[in-house]
Amino acid sequence: MAAFENYAEEARRIEREIARHAAILGIDWDDEVAVHALAREALACHPGSESTDCEPDTPERRAKMELFGLAQLMLKVMTESAGENIVTHGGPTWKAFARALWRESGLG
């Protein structure tokens, strides 16, 4: 039997951190062009990426890399909850970023 995990609470905590990082970076989630640019950047940064933009060598780059990691963590929480037939939703901040990631990935 799987251990109980409060997926909704975990999603709320992750979203709070995404919002905090976005505030530090000055991200306006209502600016679709900027959010899509951020999503393209997130999709380009992955293990093995040779892009120098993915190096956390400045405080801003580090905050972006942490933001991208939080997005991966949110997807993991949602995937795990779905595996237990639990629907987990993010809030408006996550939805804006997820929508841009989906479209930029070519899946949406």
PDB file of N, CA and C in Angstrom:
ATOM      1  N   MET A   1       0.832  -1.172   0.000  1.00  0.00           N
ATOM      2  CA  MET A   1       0.000   0.000   0.000  1.00  0.00           C
ATOM      3  C   MET A   1       0.887   1.250   0.000  1.00  0.00           C
ATOM      4  N   ALA A   2       0.539   2.211  -0.841  1.00  0.00           N
ATOM      5  CA  ALA A   2       1.325   3.436  -0.947  1.00  0.00           C
ATOM      6  C   ALA A   2       1.122   4.305   0.288  1.00  0.00           C
ATOM      7  N   ALA A   3       2.161   4.992   0.666  1.00  0.00           N
ATOM      8  CA  ALA A   3       2.061   5.913   1.794  1.00  0.00           C
ATOM      9  C   ALA A   3       1.224   7.116   1.381  1.00  0.00           C
ATOM     10  N   PHE A   4       0.486   7.659   2.312  1.00  0.00           N
ATOM     11  CA  PHE A   4      -0.351   8.814   2.016  1.00  0.00           C
ATOM     12  C   PHE A   4       0.526  10.025   1.726  1.00  0.00           C
ATOM     13  N   GLU A   5       0.218  10.683   0.649  1.00  0.00           N
ATOM     14  CA  GLU A   5       0.912  11.919   0.328  1.00  0.00           C
ATOM     15  C   GLU A   5      -0.147  12.955  -0.030  1.00  0.00           C
ATOM     16  N   ASN A   6      -0.021  14.132   0.526  1.00  0.00           N
ATOM     17  CA  ASN A   6      -0.975  15.192   0.248  1.00  0.00           C
ATOM     18  C   ASN A   6      -0.503  15.935  -1.002  1.00  0.00           C
ATOM     19  N   TYR A   7      -0.917  15.438  -2.161  1.00  0.00           N
ATOM     20  CA  TYR A   7      -0.473  15.995  -3.429  1.00  0.00           C
ATOM     21  C   TYR A   7      -0.917  17.445  -3.603  1.00  0.00           C
ATOM     22  N   ALA A   8      -2.122  17.760  -3.188  1.00  0.00           N
ATOM     23  CA  ALA A   8      -2.620  19.128  -3.336  1.00  0.00           C
ATOM     24  C   ALA A   8      -1.758  20.106  -2.545  1.00  0.00           C
ATOM     25  N   GLU A   9      -1.401  19.730  -1.322  1.00  0.00           N
ATOM     26  CA  GLU A   9      -0.553  20.599  -0.504  1.00  0.00           C
ATOM     27  C   GLU A   9       0.840  20.726  -1.123  1.00  0.00           C
ATOM     28  N   GLU A  10       1.370  19.638  -1.616  1.00  0.00           N
ATOM     29  CA  GLU A  10       2.682  19.674  -2.263  1.00  0.00           C
ATOM     30  C   GLU A  10       2.647  20.589  -3.488  1.00  0.00           C
ATOM     31  N   ALA A  11       1.590  20.500  -4.279  1.00  0.00           N
ATOM     32  CA  ALA A  11       1.447  21.365  -5.458  1.00  0.00           C
ATOM     33  C   ALA A  11       1.365  22.833  -5.042  1.00  0.00           C
ATOM     34  N   ARG A  12       0.657  23.124  -3.960  1.00  0.00           N
ATOM     35  CA  ARG A  12       0.569  24.504  -3.466  1.00  0.00           C
ATOM     36  C   ARG A  12       1.941  25.021  -3.036  1.00  0.00           C
ATOM     37  N   ARG A  13       2.703  24.183  -2.348  1.00  0.00           N
ATOM     38  CA  ARG A  13       4.048  24.605  -1.907  1.00  0.00           C
ATOM     39  C   ARG A  13       4.952  24.870  -3.111  1.00  0.00           C
ATOM     40  N   ILE A  14       4.892  23.999  -4.100  1.00  0.00           N
ATOM     41  CA  ILE A  14       5.725  24.175  -5.292  1.00  0.00           C
ATOM     42  C   ILE A  14       5.307  25.446  -6.028  1.00  0.00           C
ATOM     43  N   GLU A  15       4.004  25.657  -6.151  1.00  0.00           N
ATOM     44  CA  GLU A  15       3.529  26.865  -6.842  1.00  0.00           C
ATOM     45  C   GLU A  15       3.976  28.125  -6.113  1.00  0.00           C
ATOM     46  N   ARG A  16       3.947  28.098  -4.787  1.00  0.00           N
ATOM     47  CA  ARG A  16       4.432  29.255  -4.015  1.00  0.00           C
ATOM     48  C   ARG A  16       5.891  29.549  -4.348  1.00  0.00           C
ATOM     49  N   GLU A  17       6.686  28.508  -4.450  1.00  0.00           N
ATOM     50  CA  GLU A  17       8.105  28.684  -4.783  1.00  0.00           C
ATOM     51  C   GLU A  17       8.280  29.167  -6.224  1.00  0.00           C
ATOM     52  N   ILE A  18       7.463  28.659  -7.131  1.00  0.00           N
ATOM     53  CA  ILE A  18       7.518  29.140  -8.521  1.00  0.00           C
ATOM     54  C   ILE A  18       7.191  30.632  -8.543  1.00  0.00           C
ATOM     55  N   ALA A  19       6.153  31.028  -7.841  1.00  0.00           N
ATOM     56  CA  ALA A  19       5.755  32.441  -7.792  1.00  0.00           C
ATOM     57  C   ALA A  19       6.855  33.291  -7.155  1.00  0.00           C
ATOM     58  N   ARG A  20       7.486  32.784  -6.120  1.00  0.00           N
ATOM     59  CA  ARG A  20       8.571  33.520  -5.448  1.00  0.00           C
ATOM     60  C   ARG A  20       9.744  33.734  -6.398  1.00  0.00           C
ATOM     61  N   HIS A  21      10.144  32.667  -7.096  1.00  0.00           N
ATOM     62  CA  HIS A  21      11.246  32.783  -8.058  1.00  0.00           C
ATOM     63  C   HIS A  21      10.872  33.735  -9.194  1.00  0.00           C
ATOM     64  N   ALA A  22       9.629  33.654  -9.648  1.00  0.00           N
ATOM     65  CA  ALA A  22       9.168  34.531 -10.733  1.00  0.00           C
ATOM     66  C   ALA A  22       9.210  35.993 -10.296  1.00  0.00           C
ATOM     67  N   ALA A  23       8.834  36.254  -9.053  1.00  0.00           N
ATOM     68  CA  ALA A  23       8.869  37.626  -8.542  1.00  0.00           C
ATOM     69  C   ALA A  23      10.303  38.142  -8.502  1.00  0.00           C
ATOM     70  N   ILE A  24      11.212  37.301  -8.070  1.00  0.00           N
ATOM     71  CA  ILE A  24      12.628  37.688  -8.026  1.00  0.00           C
ATOM     72  C   ILE A  24      13.128  38.018  -9.431  1.00  0.00           C
ATOM     73  N   LEU A  25      12.673  37.237 -10.414  1.00  0.00           N
ATOM     74  CA  LEU A  25      13.109  37.414 -11.802  1.00  0.00           C
ATOM     75  C   LEU A  25      12.300  38.470 -12.552  1.00  0.00           C
ATOM     76  N   GLY A  26      11.243  38.977 -11.932  1.00  0.00           N
ATOM     77  CA  GLY A  26      10.421  39.993 -12.584  1.00  0.00           C
ATOM     78  C   GLY A  26       9.536  39.446 -13.690  1.00  0.00           C
ATOM     79  N   ILE A  27       9.132  38.193 -13.576  1.00  0.00           N
ATOM     80  CA  ILE A  27       8.303  37.563 -14.599  1.00  0.00           C
ATOM     81  C   ILE A  27       6.851  37.996 -14.420  1.00  0.00           C
ATOM     82  N   ASP A  28       6.255  38.447 -15.506  1.00  0.00           N
ATOM     83  CA  ASP A  28       4.846  38.828 -15.534  1.00  0.00           C
ATOM     84  C   ASP A  28       4.105  37.702 -16.242  1.00  0.00           C
ATOM     85  N   TRP A  29       3.345  36.913 -15.505  1.00  0.00           N
ATOM     86  CA  TRP A  29       2.661  35.744 -16.076  1.00  0.00           C
ATOM     87  C   TRP A  29       1.567  36.128 -17.065  1.00  0.00           C
ATOM     88  N   ASP A  30       1.196  37.406 -17.088  1.00  0.00           N
ATOM     89  CA  ASP A  30       0.202  37.872 -18.059  1.00  0.00           C
ATOM     90  C   ASP A  30       0.837  38.270 -19.390  1.00  0.00           C
ATOM     91  N   ASP A  31       2.160  38.333 -19.434  1.00  0.00           N
ATOM     92  CA  ASP A  31       2.893  38.677 -20.657  1.00  0.00           C
ATOM     93  C   ASP A  31       3.199  37.384 -21.410  1.00  0.00           C
ATOM     94  N   GLU A  32       2.296  37.009 -22.324  1.00  0.00           N
ATOM     95  CA  GLU A  32       2.428  35.722 -23.018  1.00  0.00           C
ATOM     96  C   GLU A  32       3.737  35.581 -23.777  1.00  0.00           C
ATOM     97  N   VAL A  33       4.201  36.650 -24.399  1.00  0.00           N
ATOM     98  CA  VAL A  33       5.451  36.592 -25.164  1.00  0.00           C
ATOM     99  C   VAL A  33       6.612  36.247 -24.228  1.00  0.00           C
ATOM    100  N   ALA A  34       6.685  36.923 -23.085  1.00  0.00           N
ATOM    101  CA  ALA A  34       7.768  36.674 -22.127  1.00  0.00           C
ATOM    102  C   ALA A  34       7.664  35.277 -21.523  1.00  0.00           C
ATOM    103  N   VAL A  35       6.451  34.837 -21.219  1.00  0.00           N
ATOM    104  CA  VAL A  35       6.262  33.508 -20.622  1.00  0.00           C
ATOM    105  C   VAL A  35       6.636  32.421 -21.629  1.00  0.00           C
ATOM    106  N   HIS A  36       6.299  32.621 -22.896  1.00  0.00           N
ATOM    107  CA  HIS A  36       6.677  31.640 -23.920  1.00  0.00           C
ATOM    108  C   HIS A  36       8.193  31.621 -24.122  1.00  0.00           C
ATOM    109  N   ALA A  37       8.824  32.771 -24.042  1.00  0.00           N
ATOM    110  CA  ALA A  37      10.290  32.815 -24.137  1.00  0.00           C
ATOM    111  C   ALA A  37      10.908  32.055 -22.974  1.00  0.00           C
ATOM    112  N   LEU A  38      10.347  32.227 -21.782  1.00  0.00           N
ATOM    113  CA  LEU A  38      10.824  31.499 -20.603  1.00  0.00           C
ATOM    114  C   LEU A  38      10.625  29.991 -20.789  1.00  0.00           C
ATOM    115  N   ALA A  39       9.486  29.606 -21.342  1.00  0.00           N
ATOM    116  CA  ALA A  39       9.205  28.190 -21.587  1.00  0.00           C
ATOM    117  C   ALA A  39      10.194  27.610 -22.594  1.00  0.00           C
ATOM    118  N   ARG A  40      10.497  28.355 -23.656  1.00  0.00           N
ATOM    119  CA  ARG A  40      11.488  27.871 -24.641  1.00  0.00           C
ATOM    120  C   ARG A  40      12.835  27.668 -23.963  1.00  0.00           C
ATOM    121  N   GLU A  41      13.187  28.605 -23.104  1.00  0.00           N
ATOM    122  CA  GLU A  41      14.459  28.513 -22.382  1.00  0.00           C
ATOM    123  C   GLU A  41      14.458  27.283 -21.465  1.00  0.00           C
ATOM    124  N   ALA A  42      13.351  27.059 -20.779  1.00  0.00           N
ATOM    125  CA  ALA A  42      13.255  25.898 -19.887  1.00  0.00           C
ATOM    126  C   ALA A  42      13.388  24.596 -20.661  1.00  0.00           C
ATOM    127  N   LEU A  43      12.750  24.521 -21.811  1.00  0.00           N
ATOM    128  CA  LEU A  43      12.807  23.296 -22.609  1.00  0.00           C
ATOM    129  C   LEU A  43      14.198  23.062 -23.200  1.00  0.00           C
ATOM    130  N   ALA A  44      14.939  24.145 -23.434  1.00  0.00           N
ATOM    131  CA  ALA A  44      16.286  24.019 -23.990  1.00  0.00           C
ATOM    132  C   ALA A  44      17.307  23.588 -22.938  1.00  0.00           C
ATOM    133  N   CYS A  45      16.999  23.837 -21.661  1.00  0.00           N
ATOM    134  CA  CYS A  45      17.932  23.494 -20.587  1.00  0.00           C
ATOM    135  C   CYS A  45      17.580  22.124 -20.023  1.00  0.00           C
ATOM    136  N   HIS A  46      18.434  21.174 -20.284  1.00  0.00           N
ATOM    137  CA  HIS A  46      18.236  19.814 -19.793  1.00  0.00           C
ATOM    138  C   HIS A  46      19.602  19.185 -19.581  1.00  0.00           C
ATOM    139  N   PRO A  47      19.657  18.090 -18.842  1.00  0.00           N
ATOM    140  CA  PRO A  47      20.953  17.441 -18.630  1.00  0.00           C
ATOM    141  C   PRO A  47      21.624  17.139 -19.966  1.00  0.00           C
ATOM    142  N   GLY A  48      22.868  17.496 -20.062  1.00  0.00           N
ATOM    143  CA  GLY A  48      23.621  17.264 -21.282  1.00  0.00           C
ATOM    144  C   GLY A  48      23.561  18.433 -22.253  1.00  0.00           C
ATOM    145  N   SER A  49      22.768  19.436 -21.917  1.00  0.00           N
ATOM    146  CA  SER A  49      22.657  20.612 -22.774  1.00  0.00           C
ATOM    147  C   SER A  49      23.999  21.320 -22.809  1.00  0.00           C
ATOM    148  N   GLU A  50      24.394  21.750 -23.996  1.00  0.00           N
ATOM    149  CA  GLU A  50      25.664  22.455 -24.120  1.00  0.00           C
ATOM    150  C   GLU A  50      25.485  23.964 -24.105  1.00  0.00           C
ATOM    151  N   SER A  51      24.265  24.411 -23.883  1.00  0.00           N
ATOM    152  CA  SER A  51      23.981  25.837 -23.870  1.00  0.00           C
ATOM    153  C   SER A  51      24.600  26.490 -22.642  1.00  0.00           C
ATOM    154  N   THR A  52      25.316  27.579 -22.873  1.00  0.00           N
ATOM    155  CA  THR A  52      25.903  28.305 -21.745  1.00  0.00           C
ATOM    156  C   THR A  52      24.822  29.046 -20.967  1.00  0.00           C
ATOM    157  N   ASP A  53      23.636  29.213 -21.570  1.00  0.00           N
ATOM    158  CA  ASP A  53      22.527  29.858 -20.862  1.00  0.00           C
ATOM    159  C   ASP A  53      22.000  28.986 -19.731  1.00  0.00           C
ATOM    160  N   CYS A  54      22.383  27.725 -19.707  1.00  0.00           N
ATOM    161  CA  CYS A  54      21.893  26.800 -18.688  1.00  0.00           C
ATOM    162  C   CYS A  54      22.848  26.669 -17.512  1.00  0.00           C
ATOM    163  N   GLU A  55      23.892  27.450 -17.506  1.00  0.00           N
ATOM    164  CA  GLU A  55      24.852  27.409 -16.407  1.00  0.00           C
ATOM    165  C   GLU A  55      24.400  28.358 -15.305  1.00  0.00           C
ATOM    166  N   PRO A  56      24.289  27.880 -14.075  1.00  0.00           N
ATOM    167  CA  PRO A  56      23.858  28.743 -12.965  1.00  0.00           C
ATOM    168  C   PRO A  56      25.006  29.600 -12.436  1.00  0.00           C
ATOM    169  N   ASP A  57      25.583  30.432 -13.320  1.00  0.00           N
ATOM    170  CA  ASP A  57      26.775  31.181 -12.948  1.00  0.00           C
ATOM    171  C   ASP A  57      26.493  32.600 -12.447  1.00  0.00           C
ATOM    172  N   THR A  58      25.237  32.995 -12.440  1.00  0.00           N
ATOM    173  CA  THR A  58      24.848  34.290 -11.882  1.00  0.00           C
ATOM    174  C   THR A  58      23.617  34.056 -10.998  1.00  0.00           C
ATOM    175  N   PRO A  59      23.325  34.975 -10.104  1.00  0.00           N
ATOM    176  CA  PRO A  59      22.121  34.799  -9.274  1.00  0.00           C
ATOM    177  C   PRO A  59      20.844  34.676 -10.126  1.00  0.00           C
ATOM    178  N   GLU A  60      20.738  35.439 -11.209  1.00  0.00           N
ATOM    179  CA  GLU A  60      19.557  35.349 -12.071  1.00  0.00           C
ATOM    180  C   GLU A  60      19.476  33.975 -12.742  1.00  0.00           C
ATOM    181  N   ARG A  61      20.584  33.479 -13.276  1.00  0.00           N
ATOM    182  CA  ARG A  61      20.600  32.163 -13.931  1.00  0.00           C
ATOM    183  C   ARG A  61      20.267  31.075 -12.916  1.00  0.00           C
ATOM    184  N   ARG A  62      20.800  31.205 -11.709  1.00  0.00           N
ATOM    185  CA  ARG A  62      20.520  30.215 -10.666  1.00  0.00           C
ATOM    186  C   ARG A  62      19.027  30.195 -10.334  1.00  0.00           C
ATOM    187  N   ALA A  63      18.424  31.382 -10.224  1.00  0.00           N
ATOM    188  CA  ALA A  63      16.985  31.458  -9.948  1.00  0.00           C
ATOM    189  C   ALA A  63      16.178  30.827 -11.087  1.00  0.00           C
ATOM    190  N   LYS A  64      16.611  31.040 -12.330  1.00  0.00           N
ATOM    191  CA  LYS A  64      15.912  30.426 -13.464  1.00  0.00           C
ATOM    192  C   LYS A  64      16.058  28.913 -13.439  1.00  0.00           C
ATOM    193  N   MET A  65      17.251  28.428 -13.168  1.00  0.00           N
ATOM    194  CA  MET A  65      17.455  26.979 -13.131  1.00  0.00           C
ATOM    195  C   MET A  65      16.614  26.358 -12.017  1.00  0.00           C
ATOM    196  N   GLU A  66      16.517  27.042 -10.878  1.00  0.00           N
ATOM    197  CA  GLU A  66      15.671  26.556  -9.783  1.00  0.00           C
ATOM    198  C   GLU A  66      14.203  26.574 -10.202  1.00  0.00           C
ATOM    199  N   LEU A  67      13.789  27.620 -10.913  1.00  0.00           N
ATOM    200  CA  LEU A  67      12.420  27.710 -11.413  1.00  0.00           C
ATOM    201  C   LEU A  67      12.126  26.542 -12.354  1.00  0.00           C
ATOM    202  N   PHE A  68      13.059  26.242 -13.242  1.00  0.00           N
ATOM    203  CA  PHE A  68      12.866  25.129 -14.176  1.00  0.00           C
ATOM    204  C   PHE A  68      12.800  23.797 -13.424  1.00  0.00           C
ATOM    205  N   GLY A  69      13.612  23.660 -12.384  1.00  0.00           N
ATOM    206  CA  GLY A  69      13.560  22.447 -11.565  1.00  0.00           C
ATOM    207  C   GLY A  69      12.236  22.316 -10.826  1.00  0.00           C
ATOM    208  N   LEU A  70      11.703  23.442 -10.370  1.00  0.00           N
ATOM    209  CA  LEU A  70      10.398  23.425  -9.701  1.00  0.00           C
ATOM    210  C   LEU A  70       9.301  22.976 -10.668  1.00  0.00           C
ATOM    211  N   ALA A  71       9.411  23.396 -11.921  1.00  0.00           N
ATOM    212  CA  ALA A  71       8.433  22.965 -12.926  1.00  0.00           C
ATOM    213  C   ALA A  71       8.507  21.449 -13.110  1.00  0.00           C
ATOM    214  N   GLN A  72       9.708  20.916 -13.154  1.00  0.00           N
ATOM    215  CA  GLN A  72       9.859  19.457 -13.265  1.00  0.00           C
ATOM    216  C   GLN A  72       9.285  18.759 -12.046  1.00  0.00           C
ATOM    217  N   LEU A  73       9.502  19.329 -10.873  1.00  0.00           N
ATOM    218  CA  LEU A  73       8.972  18.753  -9.645  1.00  0.00           C
ATOM    219  C   LEU A  73       7.446  18.772  -9.648  1.00  0.00           C
ATOM    220  N   MET A  74       6.858  19.867 -10.124  1.00  0.00           N
ATOM    221  CA  MET A  74       5.399  19.947 -10.207  1.00  0.00           C
ATOM    222  C   MET A  74       4.862  18.858 -11.135  1.00  0.00           C
ATOM    223  N   LEU A  75       5.515  18.671 -12.258  1.00  0.00           N
ATOM    224  CA  LEU A  75       5.073  17.615 -13.186  1.00  0.00           C
ATOM    225  C   LEU A  75       5.177  16.241 -12.541  1.00  0.00           C
ATOM    226  N   LYS A  76       6.212  16.025 -11.753  1.00  0.00           N
ATOM    227  CA  LYS A  76       6.370  14.741 -11.069  1.00  0.00           C
ATOM    228  C   LYS A  76       5.253  14.523 -10.054  1.00  0.00           C
ATOM    229  N   VAL A  77       4.927  15.552  -9.283  1.00  0.00           N
ATOM    230  CA  VAL A  77       3.846  15.446  -8.294  1.00  0.00           C
ATOM    231  C   VAL A  77       2.535  15.126  -9.000  1.00  0.00           C
ATOM    232  N   MET A  78       2.277  15.794 -10.100  1.00  0.00           N
ATOM    233  CA  MET A  78       1.024  15.566 -10.837  1.00  0.00           C
ATOM    234  C   MET A  78       0.989  14.157 -11.443  1.00  0.00           C
ATOM    235  N   THR A  79       2.125  13.703 -11.943  1.00  0.00           N
ATOM    236  CA  THR A  79       2.202  12.354 -12.516  1.00  0.00           C
ATOM    237  C   THR A  79       1.975  11.295 -11.443  1.00  0.00           C
ATOM    238  N   GLU A  80       2.634  11.472 -10.291  1.00  0.00           N
ATOM    239  CA  GLU A  80       2.463  10.505  -9.199  1.00  0.00           C
ATOM    240  C   GLU A  80       1.026  10.481  -8.694  1.00  0.00           C
ATOM    241  N   SER A  81       0.413  11.654  -8.580  1.00  0.00           N
ATOM    242  CA  SER A  81      -0.965  11.683  -8.092  1.00  0.00           C
ATOM    243  C   SER A  81      -1.897  11.025  -9.105  1.00  0.00           C
ATOM    244  N   ALA A  82      -1.653  11.256 -10.369  1.00  0.00           N
ATOM    245  CA  ALA A  82      -2.481  10.620 -11.410  1.00  0.00           C
ATOM    246  C   ALA A  82      -2.333   9.105 -11.357  1.00  0.00           C
ATOM    247  N   GLY A  83      -1.139   8.638 -11.021  1.00  0.00           N
ATOM    248  CA  GLY A  83      -0.909   7.201 -10.882  1.00  0.00           C
ATOM    249  C   GLY A  83      -1.710   6.581  -9.750  1.00  0.00           C
ATOM    250  N   GLU A  84      -2.150   7.414  -8.820  1.00  0.00           N
ATOM    251  CA  GLU A  84      -2.988   6.950  -7.710  1.00  0.00           C
ATOM    252  C   GLU A  84      -4.444   7.392  -7.894  1.00  0.00           C
ATOM    253  N   ASN A  85      -4.785   7.766  -9.136  1.00  0.00           N
ATOM    254  CA  ASN A  85      -6.133   8.221  -9.485  1.00  0.00           C
ATOM    255  C   ASN A  85      -6.572   9.440  -8.685  1.00  0.00           C
ATOM    256  N   ILE A  86      -5.630  10.324  -8.424  1.00  0.00           N
ATOM    257  CA  ILE A  86      -5.908  11.575  -7.736  1.00  0.00           C
ATOM    258  C   ILE A  86      -5.571  12.702  -8.712  1.00  0.00           C
ATOM    259  N   VAL A  87      -6.518  13.593  -8.924  1.00  0.00           N
ATOM    260  CA  VAL A  87      -6.296  14.724  -9.811  1.00  0.00           C
ATOM    261  C   VAL A  87      -5.740  15.873  -8.982  1.00  0.00           C
ATOM    262  N   THR A  88      -4.573  16.360  -9.376  1.00  0.00           N
ATOM    263  CA  THR A  88      -3.922  17.463  -8.679  1.00  0.00           C
ATOM    264  C   THR A  88      -3.812  18.635  -9.638  1.00  0.00           C
ATOM    265  N   HIS A  89      -4.251  19.790  -9.185  1.00  0.00           N
ATOM    266  CA  HIS A  89      -4.222  20.993 -10.012  1.00  0.00           C
ATOM    267  C   HIS A  89      -3.262  22.012  -9.425  1.00  0.00           C
ATOM    268  N   GLY A  90      -2.620  22.737 -10.298  1.00  0.00           N
ATOM    269  CA  GLY A  90      -1.843  23.884  -9.877  1.00  0.00           C
ATOM    270  C   GLY A  90      -2.724  25.111  -9.952  1.00  0.00           C
ATOM    271  N   GLY A  91      -2.226  26.215  -9.443  1.00  0.00           N
ATOM    272  CA  GLY A  91      -2.966  27.469  -9.472  1.00  0.00           C
ATOM    273  C   GLY A  91      -2.647  28.273 -10.727  1.00  0.00           C
ATOM    274  N   PRO A  92      -2.997  29.531 -10.731  1.00  0.00           N
ATOM    275  CA  PRO A  92      -2.838  30.360 -11.927  1.00  0.00           C
ATOM    276  C   PRO A  92      -1.397  30.537 -12.387  1.00  0.00           C
ATOM    277  N   THR A  93      -0.470  30.615 -11.457  1.00  0.00           N
ATOM    278  CA  THR A  93       0.932  30.761 -11.834  1.00  0.00           C
ATOM    279  C   THR A  93       1.408  29.523 -12.581  1.00  0.00           C
ATOM    280  N   TRP A  94       1.147  28.358 -12.003  1.00  0.00           N
ATOM    281  CA  TRP A  94       1.545  27.114 -12.654  1.00  0.00           C
ATOM    282  C   TRP A  94       0.844  26.957 -13.991  1.00  0.00           C
ATOM    283  N   LYS A  95      -0.431  27.264 -14.048  1.00  0.00           N
ATOM    284  CA  LYS A  95      -1.186  27.081 -15.291  1.00  0.00           C
ATOM    285  C   LYS A  95      -0.637  27.950 -16.414  1.00  0.00           C
ATOM    286  N   ALA A  96      -0.233  29.175 -16.107  1.00  0.00           N
ATOM    287  CA  ALA A  96       0.345  30.053 -17.132  1.00  0.00           C
ATOM    288  C   ALA A  96       1.643  29.457 -17.667  1.00  0.00           C
ATOM    289  N   PHE A  97       2.492  28.978 -16.755  1.00  0.00           N
ATOM    290  CA  PHE A  97       3.772  28.410 -17.179  1.00  0.00           C
ATOM    291  C   PHE A  97       3.561  27.078 -17.897  1.00  0.00           C
ATOM    292  N   ALA A  98       2.705  26.238 -17.356  1.00  0.00           N
ATOM    293  CA  ALA A  98       2.454  24.927 -17.961  1.00  0.00           C
ATOM    294  C   ALA A  98       1.864  25.071 -19.359  1.00  0.00           C
ATOM    295  N   ARG A  99       0.950  26.015 -19.530  1.00  0.00           N
ATOM    296  CA  ARG A  99       0.337  26.249 -20.847  1.00  0.00           C
ATOM    297  C   ARG A  99       1.422  26.640 -21.863  1.00  0.00           C
ATOM    298  N   ALA A 100       2.330  27.521 -21.457  1.00  0.00           N
ATOM    299  CA  ALA A 100       3.424  27.943 -22.346  1.00  0.00           C
ATOM    300  C   ALA A 100       4.373  26.785 -22.631  1.00  0.00           C
ATOM    301  N   LEU A 101       4.695  25.997 -21.604  1.00  0.00           N
ATOM    302  CA  LEU A 101       5.570  24.828 -21.816  1.00  0.00           C
ATOM    303  C   LEU A 101       4.932  23.846 -22.793  1.00  0.00           C
ATOM    304  N   TRP A 102       3.646  23.614 -22.627  1.00  0.00           N
ATOM    305  CA  TRP A 102       2.913  22.678 -23.485  1.00  0.00           C
ATOM    306  C   TRP A 102       2.963  23.158 -24.933  1.00  0.00           C
ATOM    307  N   ARG A 103       2.647  24.433 -25.152  1.00  0.00           N
ATOM    308  CA  ARG A 103       2.639  24.974 -26.514  1.00  0.00           C
ATOM    309  C   ARG A 103       4.031  24.992 -27.126  1.00  0.00           C
ATOM    310  N   GLU A 104       5.019  25.398 -26.344  1.00  0.00           N
ATOM    311  CA  GLU A 104       6.386  25.456 -26.867  1.00  0.00           C
ATOM    312  C   GLU A 104       6.980  24.083 -27.138  1.00  0.00           C
ATOM    313  N   SER A 105       6.466  23.068 -26.452  1.00  0.00           N
ATOM    314  CA  SER A 105       6.970  21.716 -26.685  1.00  0.00           C
ATOM    315  C   SER A 105       6.438  21.134 -27.996  1.00  0.00           C
ATOM    316  N   GLY A 106       5.450  21.812 -28.576  1.00  0.00           N
ATOM    317  CA  GLY A 106       4.847  21.344 -29.818  1.00  0.00           C
ATOM    318  C   GLY A 106       3.725  20.352 -29.595  1.00  0.00           C
ATOM    319  N   LEU A 107       3.352  20.149 -28.335  1.00  0.00           N
ATOM    320  CA  LEU A 107       2.298  19.183 -28.025  1.00  0.00           C
ATOM    321  C   LEU A 107       0.928  19.848 -27.915  1.00  0.00           C
ATOM    322  N   GLY A 108       0.922  21.152 -27.774  1.00  0.00           N
ATOM    323  CA  GLY A 108      -0.342  21.851 -27.551  1.00  0.00           C
ATOM    324  C   GLY A 108      -0.779  22.693 -28.712  1.00  0.00           C
TER     325      GLY A 108
END
